Amino acid sequence: MPELKQLDAGHAAAVLAFELANRAYFAASISDRGDEFYDQFADRHSAMLAEQEAGFCAFYVLVTTDSSILGRFNLYDFKDSSANLGYRVAQHVAGRGVATATVRELCQLAAARHGLHTLRAATSHANAASQRVLTKAGFVPVGPADPADLGGKPGTWYQRDLALQP
């Protein structure tokens, strides 16, 4: 059974392997991170851990029993008891409810562990799968997203009040 774990230094190699294995799949629906992201991954991973340690965000990975990564789930831009949510799951588990179940679990952790009251997530109009995940996890559309936040694509912000259970 996969387990949602807070990101730590020991996850670096598995996260990079996950990102590389799914790069083309992710690029089909969201902006590609570019070669620099992969070339400088160790530095970026360290920077993420420092941000997490400082309390600005919380990064999670969905880990299998063999320590491979099935997904990444990030809470970032903590402000006034709210945060933004970003996530991605491996192509081989997409469409199986993994993202929805994990986003629901992360909503509980966001409230209990991080004291958050509200989560927001933006998705492009073309990313129907992400829209379904958010809706099933109790998020509601709250307005247009700036295309600059979505790699130049038009989209919608979704929001969830964490006091409400889906």
Foldseek 3Di string as FASTA:
>chain_A
DWDKDWDDPVLQVLVLVQCVVCQVVVVVFFPGPDPVCSVCVNVVSVVVVVCVVVLQWIKIFTADPVGHTFKIWIWGRDDPLETEIDMDGHPVCQPVCPLLVVVLVVLVCSCPVVVHFKYKYKGAPPCVSVVVSCVSSAWDWDAWDDCVVGVNGTITMTMHGSVDGD
